[in-house]
Protein backbone atom coordinates (compact mmCIF):
# COMPACT_ATOMS: atom_id res chain seq x y z
CA MET A 1 6.51 25.23 -13.36
CA ALA A 2 8.61 27.75 -12.03
CA GLU A 3 11.90 26.39 -10.28
CA GLN A 4 10.81 28.09 -6.89
CA ASP A 5 7.29 26.12 -7.04
CA ARG A 6 9.19 22.67 -7.15
CA ASN A 7 11.69 23.17 -4.80
CA GLU A 8 9.61 21.83 -1.58
CA LEU A 9 9.35 17.89 -3.71
CA PHE A 10 13.15 18.04 -3.70
CA GLN A 11 14.15 19.00 -0.54
CA PRO A 12 15.75 16.14 1.62
CA GLY A 13 12.75 14.19 3.90
CA ARG A 14 12.98 11.99 6.55
CA ILE A 15 11.25 8.23 7.46
CA ALA A 16 11.97 5.82 9.93
CA GLY A 17 14.80 7.42 11.19
CA VAL A 18 16.76 7.63 8.08
CA GLU A 19 17.22 10.75 5.35
CA LEU A 20 15.41 10.64 1.86
CA LYS A 21 17.37 12.52 -0.98
CA ASN A 22 13.59 13.73 -1.55
CA ARG A 23 10.33 13.88 -0.66
CA ILE A 24 8.87 11.85 -3.60
CA VAL A 25 7.13 8.53 -2.64
CA MET A 26 6.42 5.75 -5.55
CA SER A 27 3.32 4.18 -3.99
CA ALA A 28 2.97 0.46 -3.51
CA MET A 29 1.19 -0.72 -6.49
CA THR A 30 0.22 -4.28 -7.58
CA ARG A 31 1.70 -4.93 -10.67
CA GLY A 32 1.05 -9.15 -10.83
CA ARG A 33 4.61 -9.65 -12.44
CA THR A 34 6.24 -12.19 -9.68
CA PRO A 35 5.82 -15.80 -10.84
CA GLY A 36 5.34 -18.30 -7.80
CA GLY A 37 5.49 -14.70 -5.28
CA VAL A 38 9.58 -14.51 -5.54
CA GLN A 39 11.43 -11.22 -7.09
CA ASP A 40 13.57 -12.27 -10.08
CA ASP A 41 15.92 -10.01 -12.36
CA LEU A 42 12.74 -8.46 -13.98
CA ASN A 43 11.33 -7.22 -10.72
CA VAL A 44 14.72 -5.63 -9.74
CA GLU A 45 15.09 -4.04 -13.19
CA TYR A 46 11.41 -2.47 -12.40
CA TYR A 47 11.98 -0.89 -9.02
CA VAL A 48 15.60 0.02 -10.17
CA GLN A 49 14.51 2.02 -13.20
CA ARG A 50 12.31 4.20 -10.61
CA SER A 51 15.05 4.34 -7.90
CA GLY A 52 15.03 8.16 -8.43
CA ALA A 53 12.33 8.47 -6.08
CA GLY A 54 13.22 9.12 -2.24
CA LEU A 55 11.45 6.17 -0.97
CA ILE A 56 10.19 3.19 -3.05
CA MET A 57 6.99 1.17 -1.32
CA GLY A 58 7.53 -2.45 -2.44
CA GLU A 59 4.52 -3.49 -3.91
CA SER A 60 1.87 -5.74 -1.95
CA SER A 61 3.09 -8.73 -0.26
CA SER A 62 0.81 -11.56 1.31
CA VAL A 63 1.90 -12.25 4.99
CA SER A 64 0.48 -16.01 4.84
CA PRO A 65 -0.97 -18.39 1.83
CA TYR A 66 -4.33 -17.60 3.38
CA ALA A 67 -3.92 -13.72 2.28
CA LEU A 68 -3.40 -14.77 -1.60
CA GLY A 69 -5.81 -12.51 -3.61
CA PHE A 70 -5.89 -10.40 -7.01
CA SER A 71 -3.28 -12.30 -9.04
CA ARG A 72 -1.13 -16.00 -8.35
CA ASN A 73 1.84 -14.04 -9.74
CA ASN A 74 1.51 -11.14 -6.66
CA PRO A 75 5.09 -11.04 -4.50
CA ARG A 76 4.67 -12.75 -1.12
CA ILE A 77 6.72 -12.25 2.38
CA TYR A 78 6.04 -15.71 4.64
CA SER A 79 9.02 -17.85 3.79
CA GLU A 80 12.74 -17.39 3.36
CA GLU A 81 12.79 -17.65 -0.16
CA HIS A 82 10.36 -14.62 -0.44
CA ALA A 83 12.99 -12.75 1.61
CA ALA A 84 15.79 -13.58 -0.60
CA GLY A 85 14.31 -12.34 -3.74
CA TRP A 86 13.06 -9.23 -2.36
CA LYS A 87 16.77 -8.71 -0.63
CA LYS A 88 17.69 -8.59 -4.25
CA VAL A 89 15.36 -5.64 -5.07
CA THR A 90 16.50 -3.64 -1.71
CA ASP A 91 20.37 -4.39 -2.13
CA ALA A 92 19.84 -2.66 -5.73
CA VAL A 93 17.63 0.27 -5.06
CA HIS A 94 19.91 0.75 -1.83
CA ALA A 95 22.87 0.89 -4.16
CA ARG A 96 21.19 4.01 -6.02
CA GLY A 97 20.69 5.91 -2.52
CA THR A 98 16.93 5.46 -2.47
CA ARG A 99 15.09 3.73 0.75
CA MET A 100 12.75 1.03 0.18
CA ALA A 101 9.44 0.01 2.48
CA LEU A 102 7.75 -2.92 2.33
CA GLN A 103 3.79 -3.41 2.64
CA LEU A 104 1.86 -6.02 4.51
CA TRP A 105 -0.88 -7.87 2.53
CA HIS A 106 -3.85 -9.78 3.40
CA CYS A 107 -6.52 -9.72 0.85
CA GLY A 108 -9.39 -11.49 3.41
CA ARG A 109 -12.72 -12.31 1.63
CA ASN A 110 -11.16 -10.70 -2.14
CA SER A 111 -9.86 -14.01 -2.62
CA HIS A 112 -11.02 -17.70 -4.24
CA PRO A 113 -10.84 -21.10 -2.73
CA SER A 114 -9.13 -21.92 -5.99
CA MET A 115 -5.93 -19.49 -4.22
CA GLN A 116 -6.40 -21.01 -0.78
CA PRO A 117 -4.40 -23.86 0.49
CA GLY A 118 -6.84 -26.63 0.22
CA ASN A 119 -9.24 -24.79 -1.52
CA VAL A 120 -10.47 -23.82 1.48
CA MET A 121 -12.94 -20.35 1.74
CA PRO A 122 -11.36 -17.08 2.31
CA PHE A 123 -12.02 -15.66 5.78
CA GLY A 124 -13.53 -11.83 6.34
CA PRO A 125 -14.80 -9.69 9.35
CA SER A 126 -18.70 -11.48 8.47
CA ALA A 127 -20.07 -13.43 5.77
CA THR A 128 -20.65 -10.65 3.22
CA PRO A 129 -19.64 -10.76 -0.13
CA PRO A 130 -17.64 -8.65 -2.64
CA SER A 131 -20.11 -6.92 -4.74
CA ASP A 132 -18.32 -7.73 -7.90
CA GLU A 133 -15.71 -10.28 -9.35
CA ILE A 134 -12.87 -11.25 -7.76
CA LYS A 135 -10.27 -9.71 -9.79
CA ILE A 136 -7.88 -12.71 -10.10
CA ARG A 137 -5.39 -11.97 -12.94
CA PRO A 138 -6.03 -13.29 -15.98
CA GLY A 139 -9.76 -13.22 -16.08
CA GLY A 140 -11.67 -12.89 -13.21
CA LEU A 141 -13.93 -15.33 -10.96
CA PRO A 142 -17.55 -14.55 -9.59
CA PRO A 143 -17.24 -13.70 -5.70
CA VAL A 144 -17.93 -16.01 -3.31
CA THR A 145 -19.44 -15.23 0.46
CA PRO A 146 -16.56 -16.14 2.97
CA ARG A 147 -16.47 -17.42 6.26
CA GLU A 148 -16.36 -15.06 9.48
CA LEU A 149 -12.84 -15.29 10.94
CA GLN A 150 -12.80 -16.52 14.42
CA VAL A 151 -11.73 -14.82 17.71
CA ASP A 152 -9.48 -17.75 18.51
CA GLU A 153 -7.83 -17.47 15.58
CA ILE A 154 -6.98 -13.71 15.99
CA PRO A 155 -3.82 -14.98 17.03
CA SER A 156 -2.43 -17.10 14.61
CA LEU A 157 -2.95 -14.54 12.21
CA LEU A 158 -1.10 -12.00 14.41
CA ASN A 159 1.74 -14.33 14.23
CA ASP A 160 1.48 -14.45 10.62
CA TYR A 161 1.88 -10.23 10.52
CA ARG A 162 5.16 -10.81 12.83
CA ASN A 163 6.69 -13.45 10.59
CA ALA A 164 6.13 -11.26 7.49
CA ALA A 165 7.63 -8.74 9.77
CA ARG A 166 10.77 -10.69 10.59
CA ARG A 167 10.72 -11.72 6.97
CA ALA A 168 10.81 -8.21 5.80
CA MET A 169 13.77 -7.25 7.90
CA GLU A 170 15.66 -10.03 6.61
CA ALA A 171 15.13 -8.57 2.93
CA GLY A 172 17.18 -5.81 3.91
CA PHE A 173 14.00 -3.11 4.07
CA ASP A 174 14.12 0.28 5.99
CA ALA A 175 10.62 0.18 7.28
CA VAL A 176 7.35 -1.85 6.66
CA GLU A 177 3.59 -0.49 5.78
CA VAL A 178 0.47 -2.54 7.55
CA HIS A 179 -1.60 -2.29 4.13
CA ALA A 180 -5.13 -1.45 5.97
CA GLY A 181 -7.08 0.50 2.96
CA ASN A 182 -8.39 -0.22 -0.86
CA GLY A 183 -10.96 -3.06 0.86
CA TYR A 184 -8.45 -5.87 2.13
CA LEU A 185 -8.38 -7.53 4.93
CA LEU A 186 -8.13 -4.73 7.94
CA ASP A 187 -9.92 -2.45 5.54
CA GLN A 188 -12.82 -4.64 5.84
CA PHE A 189 -12.90 -5.17 9.64
CA LEU A 190 -13.18 -0.95 9.86
CA ARG A 191 -15.95 -0.36 7.67
CA ASP A 192 -19.39 -0.95 8.60
CA CYS A 193 -20.45 -2.66 5.17
CA THR A 194 -18.55 -5.72 5.62
CA ASN A 195 -18.44 -5.76 9.25
CA LYS A 196 -21.22 -7.34 10.88
CA ARG A 197 -19.93 -8.46 14.08
CA SER A 198 -21.51 -8.02 17.40
CA ASP A 199 -18.19 -9.25 19.39
CA ALA A 200 -15.25 -7.14 20.71
CA TYR A 201 -14.28 -6.57 16.77
CA GLY A 202 -17.99 -4.91 15.44
CA GLY A 203 -20.18 -2.49 16.08
CA SER A 204 -18.43 0.72 17.64
CA PRO A 205 -15.60 2.29 15.64
CA GLN A 206 -13.14 1.34 18.23
CA ASN A 207 -13.98 -2.24 18.39
CA ARG A 208 -13.85 -2.13 14.33
CA ALA A 209 -10.25 -0.65 14.64
CA ARG A 210 -9.28 -3.24 17.05
CA LEU A 211 -7.74 -5.77 14.86
CA LEU A 212 -5.61 -3.16 13.37
CA LEU A 213 -4.21 -1.84 16.17
CA GLU A 214 -3.20 -5.47 16.83
CA VAL A 215 -1.99 -5.78 14.20
CA THR A 216 0.15 -2.83 13.74
CA GLU A 217 1.27 -3.64 17.66
CA ALA A 218 2.58 -7.10 16.34
CA VAL A 219 4.56 -5.49 13.52
CA CYS A 220 5.98 -2.77 16.04
CA GLU A 221 6.99 -5.48 18.42
CA ILE A 222 9.67 -6.79 15.31
CA TRP A 223 10.67 -3.41 14.07
CA GLY A 224 10.10 -0.56 16.91
CA GLU A 225 7.64 2.02 16.53
CA ASP A 226 9.49 4.43 14.21
CA ARG A 227 10.09 2.31 11.41
CA VAL A 228 6.05 0.89 10.79
CA GLY A 229 3.56 2.74 9.44
CA VAL A 230 -0.02 2.18 8.10
CA ARG A 231 -1.95 2.53 4.54
CA ILE A 232 -5.99 4.03 5.01
CA SER A 233 -8.53 5.05 2.18
CA PRO A 234 -11.08 6.31 4.44
CA VAL A 235 -13.57 7.26 1.40
CA ASN A 236 -11.94 4.85 -1.64
CA ARG A 237 -14.77 3.13 -2.49
CA ALA A 238 -13.05 1.28 -5.60
CA GLY A 239 -13.45 -2.22 -5.99
CA TYR A 240 -15.58 -4.93 -4.07
CA GLY A 241 -18.29 -2.46 -2.96
CA MET A 242 -16.50 -0.60 0.07
CA HIS A 243 -18.09 2.16 1.63
CA ASP A 244 -18.89 3.57 5.31
CA SER A 245 -21.99 5.06 6.73
CA ASP A 246 -19.82 7.78 8.63
CA PRO A 247 -16.14 7.20 7.87
CA GLN A 248 -14.57 10.54 9.46
CA PRO A 249 -15.46 9.74 13.37
CA LEU A 250 -14.43 5.85 12.39
CA PHE A 251 -11.09 7.26 10.41
CA ASN A 252 -10.33 10.13 13.29
CA CYS A 253 -10.52 6.87 15.80
CA VAL A 254 -7.97 5.06 13.75
CA VAL A 255 -5.50 7.77 13.60
CA ASP A 256 -5.76 8.75 16.98
CA GLY A 257 -5.15 4.91 17.74
CA LEU A 258 -2.06 4.45 15.61
CA GLN A 259 -0.65 7.95 17.09
CA ALA A 260 -0.90 6.41 20.86
CA ILE A 261 1.08 3.68 19.49
CA GLY A 262 3.45 5.89 18.18
CA ILE A 263 3.90 4.74 14.69
CA GLY A 264 6.36 6.15 12.63
CA PHE A 265 4.58 7.11 9.70
CA LEU A 266 1.11 7.30 7.86
CA ASP A 267 0.39 6.67 4.15
CA VAL A 268 -3.35 8.10 3.57
CA VAL A 269 -4.98 7.66 -0.23
CA GLU A 270 -6.95 10.86 -0.07
CA GLY A 271 -10.10 10.40 -2.05
CA GLU A 272 -11.31 8.35 -4.75
CA THR A 273 -8.43 5.85 -6.94
CA THR A 274 -11.18 5.22 -9.59
CA GLU A 275 -11.39 8.25 -12.12
CA ASN A 276 -13.92 10.72 -12.37
CA ALA A 277 -15.86 9.59 -9.35
CA VAL A 278 -17.07 11.90 -6.62
CA PRO A 279 -15.72 11.01 -2.83
CA PRO A 280 -18.40 11.84 0.10
CA PRO A 281 -16.94 14.43 2.08
CA PHE A 282 -14.08 14.00 4.28
CA ASP A 283 -11.55 16.26 6.43
CA PHE A 284 -8.15 15.05 5.64
CA ASP A 285 -6.79 18.27 7.47
CA ASP A 286 -8.36 17.50 10.37
CA LEU A 287 -7.25 13.34 10.38
CA ARG A 288 -3.61 15.02 9.67
CA SER A 289 -3.60 17.19 12.86
CA ARG A 290 -4.51 14.26 14.75
CA PHE A 291 -1.09 12.62 13.52
CA GLN A 292 2.40 13.57 15.10
CA GLY A 293 4.86 11.58 12.52
CA THR A 294 5.34 11.66 9.05
CA TYR A 295 2.54 12.07 6.97
CA ILE A 296 2.34 10.91 3.22
CA ALA A 297 -0.55 12.44 1.05
CA ASN A 298 -1.35 9.73 -1.44
CA ASN A 299 -3.73 9.92 -4.56
CA LEU A 300 -4.07 11.83 -7.58
CA TYR A 301 -1.14 14.74 -6.52
CA THR A 302 0.80 16.59 -9.15
CA PRO A 303 3.70 18.57 -8.40
CA GLU A 304 1.94 21.42 -7.60
CA ARG A 305 0.01 19.89 -5.35
CA GLY A 306 2.59 18.33 -3.64
CA ASN A 307 4.83 21.47 -3.06
CA ALA A 308 1.09 23.18 -1.33
CA ALA A 309 0.90 20.35 0.69
CA ILE A 310 4.55 20.03 2.05
CA ARG A 311 4.53 23.74 2.24
CA SER A 312 1.21 24.28 4.05
CA GLY A 313 2.34 21.26 6.36
CA HIS A 314 -0.53 19.08 5.30
CA ALA A 315 2.31 16.48 4.45
CA ASP A 316 5.92 15.68 5.03
CA LEU A 317 6.11 13.34 2.13
CA VAL A 318 3.69 12.90 -1.20
CA ALA A 319 3.45 9.65 -2.52
CA PHE A 320 2.56 9.23 -6.68
CA GLY A 321 1.27 5.89 -7.90
CA ARG A 322 0.47 5.61 -11.96
CA PRO A 323 2.57 8.45 -12.74
CA PHE A 324 5.60 5.97 -12.01
CA VAL A 325 4.32 3.16 -13.76
CA SER A 326 4.65 5.22 -17.32
CA ASN A 327 7.47 7.11 -16.58
CA PRO A 328 10.49 5.33 -14.98
CA ASP A 329 12.16 8.70 -14.83
CA LEU A 330 9.20 10.17 -13.28
CA VAL A 331 11.45 12.60 -10.64
CA GLU A 332 13.22 13.89 -13.62
CA ARG A 333 10.57 14.70 -15.37
CA PHE A 334 9.05 16.77 -12.72
CA ARG A 335 12.41 18.37 -12.25
CA LEU A 336 12.55 19.50 -15.79
CA GLY A 337 8.68 20.20 -15.92
CA ALA A 338 8.65 17.72 -18.74
CA GLU A 339 5.79 16.03 -20.34
CA LEU A 340 4.39 12.48 -18.89
CA SER A 341 3.96 9.12 -20.80
CA GLU A 342 0.13 8.04 -20.48
CA MET A 343 0.10 4.21 -19.20
CA ARG A 344 -1.29 1.40 -21.28
CA ARG A 345 -3.80 0.17 -19.24
CA GLU A 346 -4.46 -3.05 -20.72
CA SER A 347 -0.81 -4.07 -19.80
CA TYR A 348 -0.70 -2.43 -16.38
CA THR A 349 -0.73 -6.39 -15.22
CA GLY A 350 0.55 -9.23 -17.20
CA GLU A 351 3.37 -11.20 -17.70
CA GLY A 352 6.69 -9.94 -18.78
CA ALA A 353 8.61 -7.06 -19.33
CA VAL A 354 5.67 -5.54 -21.66
CA GLY A 355 3.74 -2.46 -19.91
CA TYR A 356 6.41 -2.99 -16.52
CA THR A 357 9.81 -2.40 -17.76
CA ASP A 358 10.18 -1.32 -21.39
CA TYR A 359 8.37 2.51 -20.78
CA PRO A 360 10.95 4.96 -22.13
CA THR A 361 12.73 7.25 -20.20
CA LEU A 362 13.31 11.29 -21.76
CA GLU A 363 16.87 10.16 -22.31
CA THR A 364 15.99 6.49 -24.25
CA ALA A 365 12.77 8.73 -25.99
CA ALA A 366 15.24 11.05 -27.73
CA PRO A 367 15.72 11.21 -31.39
């Protein structure tokens, strides 16, 4: 790869009113290596290893005890202890000149009573169960039919997001990202496969987008609009049987609403995250044209595609996920055009350093 073809990713960027040393974003990835939900020294090491990125998205962090799912070892951000754990990470990453944002997460129906306080049933927009097993690590559990979230419970949910946003600020993050993709609670409200409501939060695209916009506004009350972003995944059907009958007008409506709020950045999973899957047609350029803030292009990008996306104006920043798992020095490998290490899928989640902090860099792998 010629030097001139690599320049865009290595130019300084901006997000949330702060300068980034490059335009490479480490995407938020759920690694399940945080026992008790509080960041420890191993988590600090993991993020520091990958601090060549201009911006690191801290992995999805549950906004309340009722938001838990996927793994009992996922991080959380609703207590003073959680904030203090994350503060160790942000301090170490900031010391290396890298910015961090935290992804605020609620699993919604993609949970299980065994993960809920008092073993209560998880909730979703409607009483529609996931199509496959609940991905509780290790192993899995059969899906359950969630209860429908009641309208009078929504103010409490919004307060959960406000509290989590405050805790993220205490933890020293530079920005926060509302997770509204990949089949979790806010995505469940957006899509007509999971949202069967007939009230103000169901039916039309505007109604299905209502909860996401209210959550975003609640988080902006704490952070201000320019330091808040949202992740969406318009055609990602990976896991839990997610889909929508007409995604283009739905997500055009979503982005129009987010633009009206004035959020600082939009993180878009462009396509499917499952390998070899063929997503339905979708015009991401149209989506991008509706948003005037910082646009993060995400999913299966290469350095060449990333540079082209920035050069064309389609993207301001480009996010990389799986390559960062197995290449802690991914940015340097991109800079040199070096070969990338393959990810060991069997240890993507688990416990301890294996498959987490034990991947070699070019320097440590050299004979």
